[in-house]
Amino acid sequence: MDKEITHQFIQNALKEDVGDGDHTSLATIKAGTQGKAKLLVKDTGILAGVELAKQILNVVDTNIKIDVFITDGQEVKPGDVAFMIEGDARNILTAERLILNCMQRMSGIATKTNQIVKLLKGTNTQVLDTRKTTPGMRYLEKWAVKIGGGVNHRFGLYDMILIKDNHVDYSGGIRQAIENANRYINDTNKKLAIEIEVRNLDELEQVLQTGKVNRILLDNFNFNDLRQAVSIVAGRYITEASGGITIDNIREYADCGVDYISVGALTHSVKSLDLSLKAVKL
């Protein structure tokens, strides 16, 4: 966990939610009232966000105590209690929604990722996330992918060169795009890997003739063409498949021999895991 990133996220989220005060709690709960609450699991899946919840509580109130029973990455089922917290009741309620919003989404992502990881078991293919994330929550969502057993692709536009179809079209072709990218790296002394997207076997051949890349993204290939592409590449470059890949066909894509499969659905259309924070009588 990068505490600097998560701390800034927590501060912004609390500012958005609390504003000038949690007036419901201030109006109804006597100052100094002590409370206890449990994180109750109401769904089946992979838990994620416990470490983040601990940091949220610490930012809200360093005196709130937490007793963790289930850690990130563990399987959970309805009725499980992930942790118990105890402290100032008002502050527990201030932290409640932020904890649930983050943990429900992170757990949903971890659960979906883990489902795919199990489908790929026995192959040499790993599942990648994408940049199709919720603005402001990318770090948390990619963290959840790792908790679920997946692999993070580039975090943003700054940590890898990924030449896609629009870059190729704007730069005047595949060879020119690759040459431009390599020239940029040399001119700026950046240490960046280069990946290029190809849409068919002809474009793949152009890349192979040019070289000077680290990874080839095979986009929207059918199974026959994908198997042929992997055979042609013959291990010279890392291969990645994307486009039109679902739970139902991902194993078939993996059986074509690619190194990675990127799945935007891990983060852009995942179902949150049902969790709640329930008060417990002292």
Protein backbone atom coordinates (compact mmCIF):
# COMPACT_ATOMS: atom_id res chain seq x y z
CA MET A 1 0.00 0.00 0.00
CA ASP A 2 1.31 3.42 -0.96
CA LYS A 3 0.21 5.34 2.12
CA GLU A 4 0.85 8.72 0.51
CA ILE A 5 -1.60 7.96 -2.31
CA THR A 6 -4.21 6.39 -0.03
CA HIS A 7 -3.94 9.17 2.55
CA GLN A 8 -4.64 11.82 -0.08
CA PHE A 9 -7.57 9.78 -1.37
CA ILE A 10 -9.02 9.43 2.14
CA GLN A 11 -8.67 13.15 2.82
CA ASN A 12 -10.45 14.06 -0.41
CA ALA A 13 -13.19 11.49 0.14
CA LEU A 14 -13.86 12.66 3.69
CA LYS A 15 -13.95 16.28 2.57
CA GLU A 16 -16.49 15.36 -0.11
CA ASP A 17 -18.67 13.38 2.32
CA VAL A 18 -18.41 15.23 5.63
CA GLY A 19 -18.20 18.87 4.56
CA ASP A 20 -18.64 21.03 7.64
CA GLY A 21 -19.81 18.11 9.77
CA ASP A 22 -21.81 14.90 10.08
CA HIS A 23 -24.84 16.76 11.34
CA THR A 24 -27.02 13.69 11.81
CA SER A 25 -24.54 12.11 14.23
CA LEU A 26 -23.82 15.46 15.89
CA ALA A 27 -27.55 16.03 16.40
CA THR A 28 -28.51 12.57 17.67
CA ILE A 29 -25.50 11.12 19.51
CA LYS A 30 -24.16 12.59 22.73
CA ALA A 31 -20.52 13.70 22.59
CA GLY A 32 -18.16 11.10 23.99
CA THR A 33 -20.53 8.17 23.40
CA GLN A 34 -18.55 4.99 22.87
CA GLY A 35 -19.62 2.49 20.22
CA LYS A 36 -18.74 -0.88 18.77
CA ALA A 37 -19.44 -2.16 15.25
CA LYS A 38 -18.74 -5.20 13.10
CA LEU A 39 -18.02 -5.45 9.39
CA LEU A 40 -20.60 -8.02 8.31
CA VAL A 41 -20.23 -9.98 5.06
CA LYS A 42 -23.50 -10.58 3.21
CA ASP A 43 -22.14 -12.10 0.01
CA THR A 44 -19.72 -14.76 -1.26
CA GLY A 45 -16.39 -13.70 -2.70
CA ILE A 46 -12.88 -12.42 -2.00
CA LEU A 47 -12.46 -9.73 0.66
CA ALA A 48 -10.42 -6.64 -0.20
CA GLY A 49 -9.87 -3.28 1.44
CA VAL A 50 -9.23 -4.28 5.05
CA GLU A 51 -5.84 -2.55 5.12
CA LEU A 52 -7.43 0.54 3.60
CA ALA A 53 -10.21 0.46 6.22
CA LYS A 54 -7.56 0.49 8.94
CA GLN A 55 -6.01 3.60 7.44
CA ILE A 56 -9.39 5.31 7.05
CA LEU A 57 -10.13 4.73 10.73
CA ASN A 58 -6.70 6.04 11.67
CA VAL A 59 -7.26 9.23 9.68
CA VAL A 60 -10.73 9.77 11.21
CA ASP A 61 -9.73 8.94 14.78
CA THR A 62 -6.44 7.41 15.93
CA ASN A 63 -8.16 6.14 19.09
CA ILE A 64 -10.57 3.80 17.28
CA LYS A 65 -9.48 0.20 17.86
CA ILE A 66 -9.85 -2.49 15.20
CA ASP A 67 -9.68 -6.25 15.66
CA VAL A 68 -9.25 -7.99 12.29
CA PHE A 69 -10.50 -11.56 11.78
CA ILE A 70 -10.34 -11.85 7.98
CA THR A 71 -7.56 -10.29 5.92
CA ASP A 72 -7.35 -9.09 2.32
CA GLY A 73 -7.48 -11.89 -0.24
CA GLN A 74 -9.38 -14.39 1.89
CA GLU A 75 -12.59 -16.04 0.75
CA VAL A 76 -15.72 -14.92 2.61
CA LYS A 77 -19.36 -15.99 2.82
CA PRO A 78 -22.59 -14.51 4.23
CA GLY A 79 -22.47 -14.18 7.99
CA ASP A 80 -18.70 -13.80 8.25
CA VAL A 81 -17.39 -10.92 10.37
CA ALA A 82 -14.28 -9.37 8.89
CA PHE A 83 -13.41 -7.12 11.80
CA MET A 84 -14.73 -5.36 14.90
CA ILE A 85 -14.12 -1.72 15.69
CA GLU A 86 -14.59 0.18 18.93
CA GLY A 87 -14.32 3.86 19.80
CA ASP A 88 -16.11 7.18 19.56
CA ALA A 89 -19.54 6.43 18.06
CA ARG A 90 -19.71 9.66 16.08
CA ASN A 91 -16.35 8.99 14.46
CA ILE A 92 -17.24 5.40 13.65
CA LEU A 93 -20.25 6.68 11.72
CA THR A 94 -18.13 9.30 9.97
CA ALA A 95 -15.87 6.53 8.66
CA GLU A 96 -18.66 4.03 7.94
CA ARG A 97 -19.72 4.95 4.41
CA LEU A 98 -16.20 5.55 3.11
CA ILE A 99 -15.09 2.16 4.42
CA LEU A 100 -18.08 0.40 2.87
CA ASN A 101 -17.89 2.21 -0.48
CA CYS A 102 -14.22 1.27 -0.85
CA MET A 103 -14.39 -2.26 0.49
CA GLN A 104 -17.52 -3.23 -1.44
CA ARG A 105 -16.03 -2.13 -4.74
CA MET A 106 -12.55 -3.47 -4.04
CA SER A 107 -13.99 -6.81 -2.93
CA GLY A 108 -16.13 -7.00 -6.05
CA ILE A 109 -13.07 -6.43 -8.22
CA ALA A 110 -10.98 -8.94 -6.27
CA THR A 111 -13.78 -11.51 -6.56
CA LYS A 112 -14.14 -11.05 -10.32
CA THR A 113 -10.38 -11.20 -10.81
CA ASN A 114 -10.06 -14.34 -8.72
CA GLN A 115 -12.82 -16.00 -10.74
CA ILE A 116 -10.83 -15.38 -13.93
CA VAL A 117 -7.55 -16.46 -12.34
CA LYS A 118 -9.15 -19.81 -11.50
CA LEU A 119 -10.39 -20.16 -15.07
CA LEU A 120 -6.83 -19.64 -16.34
CA LYS A 121 -5.32 -22.20 -13.97
CA GLY A 122 -3.15 -24.69 -15.85
CA THR A 123 -2.22 -22.20 -18.59
CA ASN A 124 0.73 -19.82 -18.76
CA THR A 125 -1.60 -16.84 -19.23
CA GLN A 126 -2.16 -14.12 -16.64
CA VAL A 127 -5.00 -11.62 -16.47
CA LEU A 128 -4.27 -7.88 -16.68
CA ASP A 129 -6.32 -4.88 -15.69
CA THR A 130 -6.64 -1.71 -17.83
CA ARG A 131 -7.03 2.05 -17.43
CA LYS A 132 -10.83 1.65 -17.55
CA THR A 133 -11.13 2.67 -13.92
CA THR A 134 -13.13 5.07 -11.78
CA PRO A 135 -11.44 8.52 -11.77
CA GLY A 136 -9.79 9.09 -8.41
CA MET A 137 -10.02 5.40 -7.45
CA ARG A 138 -7.56 3.83 -9.88
CA TYR A 139 -4.98 2.98 -7.25
CA LEU A 140 -7.59 1.21 -5.10
CA GLU A 141 -9.10 -0.66 -8.04
CA LYS A 142 -5.75 -1.87 -9.34
CA TRP A 143 -4.78 -2.83 -5.78
CA ALA A 144 -7.94 -4.95 -5.64
CA VAL A 145 -6.96 -6.68 -8.89
CA LYS A 146 -3.67 -7.73 -7.28
CA ILE A 147 -5.49 -8.95 -4.17
CA GLY A 148 -7.63 -11.12 -6.45
CA GLY A 149 -4.54 -12.65 -8.05
CA GLY A 150 -4.36 -10.56 -11.21
CA VAL A 151 -1.53 -8.45 -12.64
CA ASN A 152 -1.45 -4.69 -13.02
CA HIS A 153 -0.92 -3.23 -16.49
CA ARG A 154 0.42 0.32 -16.75
CA PHE A 155 -0.95 2.61 -14.05
CA GLY A 156 -1.39 5.62 -16.30
CA LEU A 157 -0.14 7.39 -19.40
CA TYR A 158 3.23 8.08 -17.81
CA ASP A 159 4.70 4.65 -16.97
CA MET A 160 4.62 2.87 -20.34
CA ILE A 161 4.34 3.65 -24.04
CA LEU A 162 1.31 1.86 -25.47
CA ILE A 163 0.90 2.60 -29.18
CA LYS A 164 -2.73 2.03 -30.17
CA ASP A 165 -4.57 2.41 -33.45
CA ASN A 166 -5.12 6.16 -33.11
CA HIS A 167 -1.42 6.73 -32.38
CA VAL A 168 -0.51 4.71 -35.45
CA ASP A 169 -2.98 6.62 -37.64
CA TYR A 170 -1.86 10.03 -36.38
CA SER A 171 1.85 9.26 -36.72
CA GLY A 172 1.62 7.91 -40.27
CA GLY A 173 1.91 4.15 -39.82
CA ILE A 174 3.25 1.37 -37.64
CA ARG A 175 6.91 1.75 -38.53
CA GLN A 176 6.81 5.51 -38.08
CA ALA A 177 5.03 5.21 -34.72
CA ILE A 178 7.62 2.76 -33.42
CA GLU A 179 10.52 4.83 -34.71
CA ASN A 180 9.03 7.96 -33.14
CA ALA A 181 8.59 6.19 -29.81
CA ASN A 182 12.17 4.95 -29.74
CA ARG A 183 13.49 8.38 -30.70
CA TYR A 184 11.45 9.93 -27.88
CA ILE A 185 12.89 7.50 -25.34
CA ASN A 186 16.43 8.22 -26.50
CA ASP A 187 15.88 11.99 -26.47
CA THR A 188 14.29 12.07 -23.01
CA ASN A 189 16.32 9.28 -21.34
CA LYS A 190 13.06 7.72 -20.19
CA LYS A 191 13.08 4.08 -19.12
CA LEU A 192 9.77 3.02 -20.63
CA ALA A 193 8.67 -0.25 -22.18
CA ILE A 194 7.00 -0.03 -25.58
CA GLU A 195 3.87 -1.98 -26.44
CA ILE A 196 2.06 -1.74 -29.75
CA GLU A 197 -1.46 -2.80 -30.69
CA VAL A 198 -2.08 -4.70 -33.92
CA ARG A 199 -5.46 -5.50 -35.45
CA ASN A 200 -4.54 -8.25 -37.88
CA LEU A 201 -1.72 -10.49 -39.07
CA ASP A 202 -0.56 -7.96 -41.67
CA GLU A 203 -0.01 -5.34 -38.99
CA LEU A 204 1.76 -7.94 -36.85
CA GLU A 205 4.16 -8.62 -39.71
CA GLN A 206 4.91 -4.89 -39.97
CA VAL A 207 5.77 -4.81 -36.27
CA LEU A 208 8.02 -7.84 -36.54
CA GLN A 209 9.84 -6.29 -39.49
CA THR A 210 10.41 -3.10 -37.51
CA GLY A 211 11.19 -4.58 -34.08
CA LYS A 212 12.20 -2.19 -31.26
CA VAL A 213 9.18 -3.01 -29.06
CA ASN A 214 8.73 -5.04 -25.87
CA ARG A 215 5.15 -6.26 -26.10
CA ILE A 216 2.56 -6.82 -28.81
CA LEU A 217 -1.14 -6.35 -28.12
CA LEU A 218 -3.26 -8.57 -30.36
CA ASP A 219 -6.61 -6.81 -30.45
CA ASN A 220 -9.88 -8.48 -31.47
CA PHE A 221 -8.19 -11.51 -33.03
CA ASN A 222 -10.26 -14.64 -33.59
CA PHE A 223 -8.95 -17.89 -32.14
CA ASN A 224 -7.32 -19.14 -35.34
CA ASP A 225 -5.53 -15.88 -36.04
CA LEU A 226 -4.49 -15.55 -32.39
CA ARG A 227 -2.92 -19.01 -32.36
CA GLN A 228 -1.14 -18.20 -35.62
CA ALA A 229 0.06 -14.86 -34.26
CA VAL A 230 1.50 -16.47 -31.13
CA SER A 231 3.25 -19.03 -33.32
CA ILE A 232 4.70 -16.31 -35.57
CA VAL A 233 5.94 -14.24 -32.62
CA ALA A 234 7.55 -17.43 -31.27
CA GLY A 235 8.45 -15.97 -27.89
CA ARG A 236 10.41 -13.03 -29.27
CA TYR A 237 8.03 -10.56 -27.65
CA ILE A 238 5.53 -10.62 -24.81
CA THR A 239 2.05 -11.16 -26.21
CA GLU A 240 -1.23 -9.78 -24.91
CA ALA A 241 -4.78 -10.38 -26.14
CA SER A 242 -7.73 -8.04 -25.71
CA GLY A 243 -11.15 -7.27 -27.20
CA GLY A 244 -14.30 -9.37 -27.12
CA ILE A 245 -13.04 -11.46 -24.21
CA THR A 246 -15.59 -12.65 -21.65
CA ILE A 247 -15.84 -15.10 -18.78
CA ASP A 248 -17.29 -17.61 -21.23
CA ASN A 249 -14.42 -17.55 -23.73
CA ILE A 250 -11.37 -16.40 -21.78
CA ARG A 251 -10.06 -19.93 -21.30
CA GLU A 252 -10.12 -20.47 -25.07
CA TYR A 253 -8.11 -17.28 -25.55
CA ALA A 254 -5.59 -18.45 -22.95
CA ASP A 255 -5.30 -21.81 -24.69
CA CYS A 256 -4.05 -19.92 -27.76
CA GLY A 257 -0.81 -19.36 -25.84
CA VAL A 258 -0.73 -15.61 -25.13
CA ASP A 259 1.21 -14.37 -22.12
CA TYR A 260 -1.47 -11.95 -20.93
CA ILE A 261 -5.14 -11.22 -21.43
CA SER A 262 -6.34 -7.71 -20.55
CA VAL A 263 -9.89 -7.42 -19.25
CA GLY A 264 -11.44 -3.98 -18.84
CA ALA A 265 -14.50 -5.49 -17.16
CA LEU A 266 -12.42 -6.19 -14.05
CA THR A 267 -12.85 -2.56 -13.08
CA HIS A 268 -15.38 -0.85 -15.35
CA SER A 269 -18.46 -3.04 -14.83
CA VAL A 270 -17.92 -5.12 -11.73
CA LYS A 271 -20.63 -5.98 -9.17
CA SER A 272 -19.79 -4.80 -5.66
CA LEU A 273 -19.69 -7.32 -2.84
CA ASP A 274 -22.47 -6.81 -0.29
CA LEU A 275 -21.02 -5.68 3.06
CA SER A 276 -22.41 -3.69 5.97
CA LEU A 277 -21.17 -2.11 9.17
CA LYS A 278 -23.52 -2.95 12.04
CA ALA A 279 -23.58 -1.46 15.52
CA VAL A 280 -22.96 -3.91 18.34
CA LYS A 281 -24.16 -3.29 21.89
CA LEU A 282 -21.38 -2.77 24.40
